[in-house]
Amino acid sequence: MIDFLKSWIEQIAIAIVIVSIIELILPSGNIKKYIKVILGIYVVFCIINPFINNINLFNIDNLEMDKYVQSTSTVNQESMNKRIQDLYIEELRKTIEKNLQDLGYKLNKCEIKANLDTTVANPGIHKIILNVSKSNIEKVEIGTNKDKVQENEEELEKIKESISSKYEISKDLIDIKLK
């Protein structure tokens, strides 16, 4: 096939060179336009002729595709599963961070312990450990430490409830520390 294309391109190049030389040596006059038409037909004939003569070369039924198509790459399924799991955990971390921002908190640290391989026992999210702080700085109030601790506990419970309902996981799997 490559030899065919090579010879075809050579024939076209030779035809164009011959036509150019003939046009250069032609005298100007009325006959010049008729000779240009004949030379154009000659170039078109040189382009089409190999296809007419070698019609069996372009028969699709005779093609042996196995000879030309080779599979050189193999997929390592374990590494693909690991990459997918890492991408899932990273996207989960990003959405948790966005949800915390919507609630008025800043995510300082997020650790997600999960095994998403369904072929092993107990797949799924096993633990989410979050270290958060408030995004906005509030006015410092002097009061009892007990009130502040209870307020923090209520805030943490609110965050746990939000994450638990959104990702459909137990609140026991979520551990949050507030700075």
Protein backbone atom coordinates (compact mmCIF):
# COMPACT_ATOMS: atom_id res chain seq x y z
CA MET A 1 0.00 0.00 0.00
CA ILE A 2 2.82 2.40 0.86
CA ASP A 3 4.61 1.50 -2.39
CA PHE A 4 1.41 2.25 -4.28
CA LEU A 5 1.10 5.70 -2.67
CA LYS A 6 4.76 6.44 -3.32
CA SER A 7 4.51 5.60 -7.02
CA TRP A 8 1.23 7.50 -7.31
CA ILE A 9 2.74 10.67 -5.85
CA GLU A 10 5.77 10.31 -8.16
CA GLN A 11 3.48 10.04 -11.21
CA ILE A 12 1.56 13.16 -10.17
CA ALA A 13 4.77 15.11 -9.60
CA ILE A 14 6.17 14.09 -13.00
CA ALA A 15 2.88 15.02 -14.72
CA ILE A 16 2.87 18.46 -13.09
CA VAL A 17 6.49 19.08 -14.09
CA ILE A 18 5.76 18.05 -17.70
CA VAL A 19 2.66 20.26 -17.84
CA SER A 20 4.62 23.23 -16.42
CA ILE A 21 7.41 22.82 -19.01
CA ILE A 22 4.92 22.58 -21.86
CA GLU A 23 3.09 25.71 -20.67
CA LEU A 24 6.39 27.61 -20.55
CA ILE A 25 7.33 26.77 -24.13
CA LEU A 26 3.86 27.34 -25.60
CA PRO A 27 3.52 30.41 -27.79
CA SER A 28 0.85 32.86 -26.79
CA GLY A 29 -2.25 32.78 -28.93
CA ASN A 30 -5.71 31.32 -29.32
CA ILE A 31 -4.51 27.74 -29.26
CA LYS A 32 -2.89 28.12 -25.80
CA LYS A 33 -6.17 27.88 -23.89
CA TYR A 34 -7.10 24.63 -25.69
CA ILE A 35 -3.75 23.09 -24.92
CA LYS A 36 -4.14 24.11 -21.23
CA VAL A 37 -7.47 22.26 -21.12
CA ILE A 38 -5.84 19.14 -22.61
CA LEU A 39 -2.95 19.39 -20.12
CA GLY A 40 -5.46 19.72 -17.25
CA ILE A 41 -7.26 16.58 -18.43
CA TYR A 42 -3.85 14.84 -18.56
CA VAL A 43 -3.14 15.78 -14.91
CA VAL A 44 -6.60 14.58 -13.82
CA PHE A 45 -6.04 11.33 -15.74
CA CYS A 46 -2.68 10.84 -13.96
CA ILE A 47 -4.41 11.34 -10.60
CA ILE A 48 -7.30 8.92 -11.29
CA ASN A 49 -5.52 6.24 -13.36
CA PRO A 50 -3.88 4.26 -10.49
CA PHE A 51 -7.24 3.89 -8.78
CA ILE A 52 -8.89 2.57 -11.94
CA ASN A 53 -6.06 0.11 -12.68
CA ASN A 54 -5.80 -1.17 -9.08
CA ILE A 55 -9.45 -1.42 -8.10
CA ASN A 56 -8.81 -4.70 -6.24
CA LEU A 57 -6.23 -2.93 -4.06
CA PHE A 58 -9.00 -0.88 -2.49
CA ASN A 59 -11.41 -3.74 -1.84
CA ILE A 60 -12.34 -3.55 1.85
CA ASP A 61 -13.19 -7.25 2.00
CA ASN A 62 -9.55 -8.18 1.33
CA LEU A 63 -8.11 -6.09 4.14
CA GLU A 64 -6.50 -7.93 7.02
CA MET A 65 -6.95 -5.52 9.89
CA ASP A 66 -5.33 -7.80 12.47
CA LYS A 67 -2.04 -7.33 10.70
CA TYR A 68 -2.17 -3.54 11.08
CA VAL A 69 -3.83 -3.15 14.46
CA GLN A 70 -1.76 -4.14 17.45
CA SER A 71 -2.65 -3.74 21.07
CA THR A 72 0.47 -2.41 22.77
CA SER A 73 -1.01 -1.04 25.96
CA THR A 74 -2.51 -3.07 28.73
CA VAL A 75 -4.53 -1.67 31.58
CA ASN A 76 -3.40 -2.35 35.10
CA GLN A 77 -6.76 -2.58 36.84
CA GLU A 78 -5.33 -2.30 40.35
CA SER A 79 -3.61 0.99 39.64
CA MET A 80 -6.73 2.33 37.90
CA ASN A 81 -8.86 1.38 40.93
CA LYS A 82 -6.37 3.12 43.23
CA ARG A 83 -6.42 6.27 41.10
CA ILE A 84 -10.22 6.30 41.03
CA GLN A 85 -10.35 5.87 44.80
CA ASP A 86 -7.86 8.73 45.28
CA LEU A 87 -9.90 10.97 42.96
CA TYR A 88 -13.11 10.12 44.81
CA ILE A 89 -11.56 10.90 48.19
CA GLU A 90 -10.12 14.19 46.90
CA GLU A 91 -13.50 15.25 45.47
CA LEU A 92 -15.18 14.24 48.74
CA ARG A 93 -12.69 16.42 50.64
CA LYS A 94 -13.40 19.36 48.31
CA THR A 95 -17.17 19.08 48.72
CA ILE A 96 -16.85 18.79 52.51
CA GLU A 97 -14.69 21.92 52.49
CA LYS A 98 -17.30 23.78 50.43
CA ASN A 99 -20.11 22.65 52.74
CA LEU A 100 -18.15 23.84 55.76
CA GLN A 101 -17.57 27.21 54.10
CA ASP A 102 -21.31 27.49 53.53
CA LEU A 103 -21.82 26.87 57.26
CA GLY A 104 -19.23 29.54 58.15
CA TYR A 105 -16.25 27.31 58.93
CA LYS A 106 -12.79 26.90 57.47
CA LEU A 107 -11.36 23.42 56.92
CA ASN A 108 -7.82 23.23 58.28
CA LYS A 109 -7.26 19.51 57.92
CA CYS A 110 -9.28 16.66 56.46
CA GLU A 111 -8.41 13.00 56.71
CA ILE A 112 -10.70 10.45 55.07
CA LYS A 113 -10.15 6.78 55.77
CA ALA A 114 -11.97 4.72 53.17
CA ASN A 115 -11.71 1.54 51.16
CA LEU A 116 -13.82 1.70 48.03
CA ASP A 117 -12.81 -1.71 46.67
CA THR A 118 -16.03 -3.72 46.59
CA THR A 119 -14.18 -7.02 46.39
CA VAL A 120 -12.91 -6.76 49.97
CA ALA A 121 -14.87 -7.07 53.18
CA ASN A 122 -16.43 -3.89 54.60
CA PRO A 123 -15.94 -1.42 51.73
CA GLY A 124 -16.89 2.21 52.17
CA ILE A 125 -15.98 5.24 54.26
CA HIS A 126 -14.62 4.19 57.66
CA LYS A 127 -13.70 7.52 59.26
CA ILE A 128 -13.70 11.24 58.48
CA ILE A 129 -11.47 13.35 60.71
CA LEU A 130 -11.90 17.11 60.37
CA ASN A 131 -10.06 19.99 61.96
CA VAL A 132 -12.08 23.18 61.49
CA SER A 133 -12.09 26.75 62.67
CA LYS A 134 -14.58 29.56 62.38
CA SER A 135 -14.20 31.63 59.22
CA ASN A 136 -15.21 34.93 60.72
CA ILE A 137 -13.78 36.37 63.89
CA GLU A 138 -16.42 36.98 66.52
CA LYS A 139 -16.43 39.39 69.40
CA VAL A 140 -14.78 37.90 72.45
CA GLU A 141 -17.25 37.57 75.30
CA ILE A 142 -16.35 36.94 78.86
CA GLY A 143 -18.42 34.16 80.31
CA THR A 144 -18.13 30.76 81.79
CA ASN A 145 -16.04 28.20 80.00
CA LYS A 146 -18.85 25.68 80.44
CA ASP A 147 -21.20 27.76 78.25
CA LYS A 148 -18.53 28.02 75.55
CA VAL A 149 -17.91 24.26 75.58
CA GLN A 150 -21.62 23.53 75.28
CA GLU A 151 -21.95 26.01 72.42
CA ASN A 152 -19.01 24.37 70.63
CA GLU A 153 -20.56 20.94 71.13
CA GLU A 154 -23.81 22.14 69.56
CA GLU A 155 -21.92 23.62 66.61
CA LEU A 156 -19.96 20.39 66.10
CA GLU A 157 -23.19 18.38 66.26
CA LYS A 158 -24.70 20.67 63.63
CA ILE A 159 -21.70 20.11 61.33
CA LYS A 160 -21.82 16.33 61.91
CA GLU A 161 -25.53 16.27 61.12
CA SER A 162 -24.98 18.22 57.90
CA ILE A 163 -22.18 15.94 56.67
CA SER A 164 -23.98 12.80 57.82
CA SER A 165 -27.19 13.63 55.97
CA LYS A 166 -25.43 14.79 52.80
CA TYR A 167 -23.16 11.75 52.41
CA GLU A 168 -25.48 9.23 54.09
CA ILE A 169 -22.94 8.02 56.62
CA SER A 170 -23.24 7.52 60.34
CA LYS A 171 -22.39 10.44 62.64
CA ASP A 172 -20.21 8.04 64.62
CA LEU A 173 -17.77 7.92 61.67
CA ILE A 174 -17.24 11.71 61.77
CA ASP A 175 -14.71 13.17 64.19
CA ILE A 176 -14.50 16.99 64.31
CA LYS A 177 -12.14 19.19 66.27
CA LEU A 178 -12.89 22.88 66.51
CA LYS A 179 -10.08 25.39 66.98
